[in-house]
Amino acid sequence: MSANFRTDLARGQVGEDLFHKQFPHLTRLSGREADFIDENTGATYEVKTDSRSLAATPNFFMERWSDVDKQKPGGPWQALGKGITYFVYMFPVSNAIYIFDTATLVTALELLEKPNKRNIANRSWITQGWLVPRSEIIEIAKGLHYVIAD
């Protein structure tokens, strides 16, 4: 599997736009510290977008290492390191948004016995993630919301 940074970035932007339509009270951030913030509560959100539909996969793809060789955390672990409150996982094709408390999600992921690892080759590094059956962690989602299409 090979990554296409521009395609992934565009897909992520579409997901963030859909998320913001569902939660317009949130303020968009640069993405370096977090993607969104609730200025009333201080809660921050990291949004990840999956290009597949719910019917096409029973899994979440949770990035564990953004760079395996350098052991740079990715996905929820990176979000936790930044102090991000909520990790959001979206399936825009299915209009599904899963919202997880980041610390709770990382704890649940680390308790998985044998994660199904997948490597993604980039230009000069390898990203690694885990295929996690939705059924194994869905009960810890703070909510499942369906985006209302315009």
C-alpha atoms as a PDB file:
ATOM      1  CA  MET A   1       0.000   0.000   0.000  1.00  0.00           C
ATOM      2  CA  SER A   2       1.421   3.392  -0.979  1.00  0.00           C
ATOM      3  CA  ALA A   3       0.375   6.768   0.331  1.00  0.00           C
ATOM      4  CA  ASN A   4      -0.539   9.719  -1.839  1.00  0.00           C
ATOM      5  CA  PHE A   5      -0.121  12.765   0.374  1.00  0.00           C
ATOM      6  CA  ARG A   6      -2.110  15.171  -1.819  1.00  0.00           C
ATOM      7  CA  THR A   7      -5.035  12.777  -2.195  1.00  0.00           C
ATOM      8  CA  ASP A   8      -5.047  12.046   1.530  1.00  0.00           C
ATOM      9  CA  LEU A   9      -4.879  15.751   2.352  1.00  0.00           C
ATOM     10  CA  ALA A  10      -7.807  16.545   0.035  1.00  0.00           C
ATOM     11  CA  ARG A  11      -9.854  13.672   1.506  1.00  0.00           C
ATOM     12  CA  GLY A  12      -9.091  14.902   5.006  1.00  0.00           C
ATOM     13  CA  GLN A  13     -10.191  18.427   4.107  1.00  0.00           C
ATOM     14  CA  VAL A  14     -13.518  17.124   2.793  1.00  0.00           C
ATOM     15  CA  GLY A  15     -13.992  15.181   6.040  1.00  0.00           C
ATOM     16  CA  GLU A  16     -13.176  18.225   8.165  1.00  0.00           C
ATOM     17  CA  ASP A  17     -15.632  20.335   6.161  1.00  0.00           C
ATOM     18  CA  LEU A  18     -18.410  17.771   6.710  1.00  0.00           C
ATOM     19  CA  PHE A  19     -17.562  17.565  10.408  1.00  0.00           C
ATOM     20  CA  HIS A  20     -17.694  21.350  10.710  1.00  0.00           C
ATOM     21  CA  LYS A  21     -21.120  21.444   9.020  1.00  0.00           C
ATOM     22  CA  GLN A  22     -22.374  19.026  11.666  1.00  0.00           C
ATOM     23  CA  PHE A  23     -20.720  20.960  14.517  1.00  0.00           C
ATOM     24  CA  PRO A  24     -20.674  24.616  13.368  1.00  0.00           C
ATOM     25  CA  HIS A  25     -20.138  25.914  16.914  1.00  0.00           C
ATOM     26  CA  LEU A  26     -16.562  24.605  16.819  1.00  0.00           C
ATOM     27  CA  THR A  27     -13.707  26.826  15.660  1.00  0.00           C
ATOM     28  CA  ARG A  28     -11.366  25.471  12.995  1.00  0.00           C
ATOM     29  CA  LEU A  29      -7.676  25.471  13.936  1.00  0.00           C
ATOM     30  CA  SER A  30      -4.529  25.101  11.824  1.00  0.00           C
ATOM     31  CA  GLY A  31      -4.342  21.332  12.320  1.00  0.00           C
ATOM     32  CA  ARG A  32      -0.919  21.493  13.977  1.00  0.00           C
ATOM     33  CA  GLU A  33      -2.263  21.656  17.530  1.00  0.00           C
ATOM     34  CA  ALA A  34      -5.697  20.202  16.699  1.00  0.00           C
ATOM     35  CA  ASP A  35      -8.289  20.482  13.941  1.00  0.00           C
ATOM     36  CA  PHE A  36     -11.081  22.132  15.962  1.00  0.00           C
ATOM     37  CA  ILE A  37     -11.724  23.644  19.378  1.00  0.00           C
ATOM     38  CA  ASP A  38     -14.885  24.293  21.356  1.00  0.00           C
ATOM     39  CA  GLU A  39     -14.061  27.739  22.684  1.00  0.00           C
ATOM     40  CA  ASN A  40     -16.718  27.439  25.406  1.00  0.00           C
ATOM     41  CA  THR A  41     -15.276  24.266  26.950  1.00  0.00           C
ATOM     42  CA  GLY A  42     -11.700  24.185  25.640  1.00  0.00           C
ATOM     43  CA  ALA A  43     -12.244  20.687  24.215  1.00  0.00           C
ATOM     44  CA  THR A  44     -10.156  19.988  21.116  1.00  0.00           C
ATOM     45  CA  TYR A  45     -10.832  17.615  18.221  1.00  0.00           C
ATOM     46  CA  GLU A  46      -8.613  15.680  15.813  1.00  0.00           C
ATOM     47  CA  VAL A  47     -10.520  14.510  12.720  1.00  0.00           C
ATOM     48  CA  LYS A  48      -9.497  11.500  10.608  1.00  0.00           C
ATOM     49  CA  THR A  49     -11.282  10.565   7.395  1.00  0.00           C
ATOM     50  CA  ASP A  50     -11.633   7.073   5.894  1.00  0.00           C
ATOM     51  CA  SER A  51     -12.384   6.863   2.167  1.00  0.00           C
ATOM     52  CA  ARG A  52     -14.258   3.575   2.436  1.00  0.00           C
ATOM     53  CA  SER A  53     -17.871   3.001   3.345  1.00  0.00           C
ATOM     54  CA  LEU A  54     -19.071   1.244   6.485  1.00  0.00           C
ATOM     55  CA  ALA A  55     -20.280  -1.592   4.258  1.00  0.00           C
ATOM     56  CA  ALA A  56     -16.860  -1.947   2.614  1.00  0.00           C
ATOM     57  CA  THR A  57     -14.958  -2.523   5.856  1.00  0.00           C
ATOM     58  CA  PRO A  58     -15.785  -3.664   9.379  1.00  0.00           C
ATOM     59  CA  ASN A  59     -12.646  -1.874  10.620  1.00  0.00           C
ATOM     60  CA  PHE A  60     -11.190   1.411  11.717  1.00  0.00           C
ATOM     61  CA  PHE A  61      -7.634   2.038  10.501  1.00  0.00           C
ATOM     62  CA  MET A  62      -5.833   3.502  13.513  1.00  0.00           C
ATOM     63  CA  GLU A  63      -2.431   4.927  12.647  1.00  0.00           C
ATOM     64  CA  ARG A  64       0.001   3.777  15.340  1.00  0.00           C
ATOM     65  CA  TRP A  65       3.281   5.156  13.991  1.00  0.00           C
ATOM     66  CA  SER A  66       3.542   8.057  11.558  1.00  0.00           C
ATOM     67  CA  ASP A  67       7.163   6.928  11.073  1.00  0.00           C
ATOM     68  CA  VAL A  68       7.937   3.375  12.187  1.00  0.00           C
ATOM     69  CA  ASP A  69      11.733   3.712  12.075  1.00  0.00           C
ATOM     70  CA  LYS A  70      11.738   6.892  14.162  1.00  0.00           C
ATOM     71  CA  GLN A  71       8.917   5.591  16.410  1.00  0.00           C
ATOM     72  CA  LYS A  72       6.957   8.822  15.913  1.00  0.00           C
ATOM     73  CA  PRO A  73       3.430   8.322  17.277  1.00  0.00           C
ATOM     74  CA  GLY A  74       0.542   8.693  14.882  1.00  0.00           C
ATOM     75  CA  GLY A  75      -3.244   8.821  15.029  1.00  0.00           C
ATOM     76  CA  PRO A  76      -4.773   8.678  18.501  1.00  0.00           C
ATOM     77  CA  TRP A  77      -1.345   8.339  20.171  1.00  0.00           C
ATOM     78  CA  GLN A  78      -0.139  11.541  18.517  1.00  0.00           C
ATOM     79  CA  ALA A  79      -3.411  13.253  19.489  1.00  0.00           C
ATOM     80  CA  LEU A  80      -2.984  12.102  23.092  1.00  0.00           C
ATOM     81  CA  GLY A  81       0.572  13.469  23.146  1.00  0.00           C
ATOM     82  CA  LYS A  82      -0.788  16.843  22.007  1.00  0.00           C
ATOM     83  CA  GLY A  83      -3.454  16.785  24.716  1.00  0.00           C
ATOM     84  CA  ILE A  84      -6.324  16.603  22.213  1.00  0.00           C
ATOM     85  CA  THR A  85      -9.618  15.825  23.939  1.00  0.00           C
ATOM     86  CA  TYR A  86     -11.505  13.957  21.200  1.00  0.00           C
ATOM     87  CA  PHE A  87     -10.375  11.744  18.347  1.00  0.00           C
ATOM     88  CA  VAL A  88     -12.953  11.762  15.556  1.00  0.00           C
ATOM     89  CA  TYR A  89     -13.102   9.012  12.938  1.00  0.00           C
ATOM     90  CA  MET A  90     -15.249   9.663   9.884  1.00  0.00           C
ATOM     91  CA  PHE A  91     -16.648   7.592   7.036  1.00  0.00           C
ATOM     92  CA  PRO A  92     -18.018  10.405   4.821  1.00  0.00           C
ATOM     93  CA  VAL A  93     -19.227   7.958   2.157  1.00  0.00           C
ATOM     94  CA  SER A  94     -21.563   6.505   4.812  1.00  0.00           C
ATOM     95  CA  ASN A  95     -22.162   9.846   6.543  1.00  0.00           C
ATOM     96  CA  ALA A  96     -20.871   8.363   9.808  1.00  0.00           C
ATOM     97  CA  ILE A  97     -18.904  10.191  12.488  1.00  0.00           C
ATOM     98  CA  TYR A  98     -17.499   8.392  15.543  1.00  0.00           C
ATOM     99  CA  ILE A  99     -16.260  10.549  18.415  1.00  0.00           C
ATOM    100  CA  PHE A 100     -13.904   9.034  20.980  1.00  0.00           C
ATOM    101  CA  ASP A 101     -12.375  10.420  24.141  1.00  0.00           C
ATOM    102  CA  THR A 102      -8.722  10.265  23.058  1.00  0.00           C
ATOM    103  CA  ALA A 103      -7.271   8.860  26.297  1.00  0.00           C
ATOM    104  CA  THR A 104     -10.004   6.207  26.537  1.00  0.00           C
ATOM    105  CA  LEU A 105      -9.443   5.222  22.903  1.00  0.00           C
ATOM    106  CA  VAL A 106      -5.677   4.825  23.326  1.00  0.00           C
ATOM    107  CA  THR A 107      -6.175   2.698  26.433  1.00  0.00           C
ATOM    108  CA  ALA A 108      -8.664   0.462  24.593  1.00  0.00           C
ATOM    109  CA  LEU A 109      -6.371   0.121  21.567  1.00  0.00           C
ATOM    110  CA  GLU A 110      -3.413  -0.857  23.727  1.00  0.00           C
ATOM    111  CA  LEU A 111      -5.486  -3.605  25.337  1.00  0.00           C
ATOM    112  CA  LEU A 112      -6.080  -5.308  21.996  1.00  0.00           C
ATOM    113  CA  GLU A 113      -4.282  -8.641  22.046  1.00  0.00           C
ATOM    114  CA  LYS A 114      -2.935  -8.894  18.518  1.00  0.00           C
ATOM    115  CA  PRO A 115      -3.508  -5.854  16.368  1.00  0.00           C
ATOM    116  CA  ASN A 116      -3.696  -6.496  12.623  1.00  0.00           C
ATOM    117  CA  LYS A 117      -0.815  -4.271  11.422  1.00  0.00           C
ATOM    118  CA  ARG A 118      -0.601  -2.589   8.033  1.00  0.00           C
ATOM    119  CA  ASN A 119       2.368  -0.658   6.650  1.00  0.00           C
ATOM    120  CA  ILE A 120       1.972   2.274   4.285  1.00  0.00           C
ATOM    121  CA  ALA A 121       5.037   3.221   2.257  1.00  0.00           C
ATOM    122  CA  ASN A 122       5.635   6.934   1.860  1.00  0.00           C
ATOM    123  CA  ARG A 123       8.518   8.603  -0.006  1.00  0.00           C
ATOM    124  CA  SER A 124      11.168   8.009   2.635  1.00  0.00           C
ATOM    125  CA  TRP A 125       9.361   6.550   5.639  1.00  0.00           C
ATOM    126  CA  ILE A 126       6.834   3.901   6.558  1.00  0.00           C
ATOM    127  CA  THR A 127       3.626   4.625   8.416  1.00  0.00           C
ATOM    128  CA  GLN A 128       2.088   1.769  10.372  1.00  0.00           C
ATOM    129  CA  GLY A 129      -1.468   1.377  11.505  1.00  0.00           C
ATOM    130  CA  TRP A 130      -3.784  -1.196  12.967  1.00  0.00           C
ATOM    131  CA  LEU A 131      -6.970  -2.568  11.467  1.00  0.00           C
ATOM    132  CA  VAL A 132      -9.307  -2.507  14.444  1.00  0.00           C
ATOM    133  CA  PRO A 133     -12.746  -4.116  14.158  1.00  0.00           C
ATOM    134  CA  ARG A 134     -15.359  -1.457  14.903  1.00  0.00           C
ATOM    135  CA  SER A 135     -17.165  -4.009  17.044  1.00  0.00           C
ATOM    136  CA  GLU A 136     -14.205  -4.111  19.459  1.00  0.00           C
ATOM    137  CA  ILE A 137     -14.204  -0.417  20.340  1.00  0.00           C
ATOM    138  CA  ILE A 138     -17.553   1.000  19.251  1.00  0.00           C
ATOM    139  CA  GLU A 139     -18.946   0.931  22.780  1.00  0.00           C
ATOM    140  CA  ILE A 140     -16.441   3.578  23.888  1.00  0.00           C
ATOM    141  CA  ALA A 141     -17.470   6.072  21.179  1.00  0.00           C
ATOM    142  CA  LYS A 142     -18.963   9.200  22.706  1.00  0.00           C
ATOM    143  CA  GLY A 143     -21.460   9.308  19.916  1.00  0.00           C
ATOM    144  CA  LEU A 144     -22.270   8.233  16.436  1.00  0.00           C
ATOM    145  CA  HIS A 145     -23.585  11.082  14.362  1.00  0.00           C
ATOM    146  CA  TYR A 146     -24.815  11.136  10.809  1.00  0.00           C
ATOM    147  CA  VAL A 147     -23.893  14.091   8.683  1.00  0.00           C
ATOM    148  CA  ILE A 148     -26.890  15.805   7.134  1.00  0.00           C
ATOM    149  CA  ALA A 149     -26.156  16.294   3.454  1.00  0.00           C
ATOM    150  CA  ASP A 150     -27.091  19.669   1.982  1.00  0.00           C
END
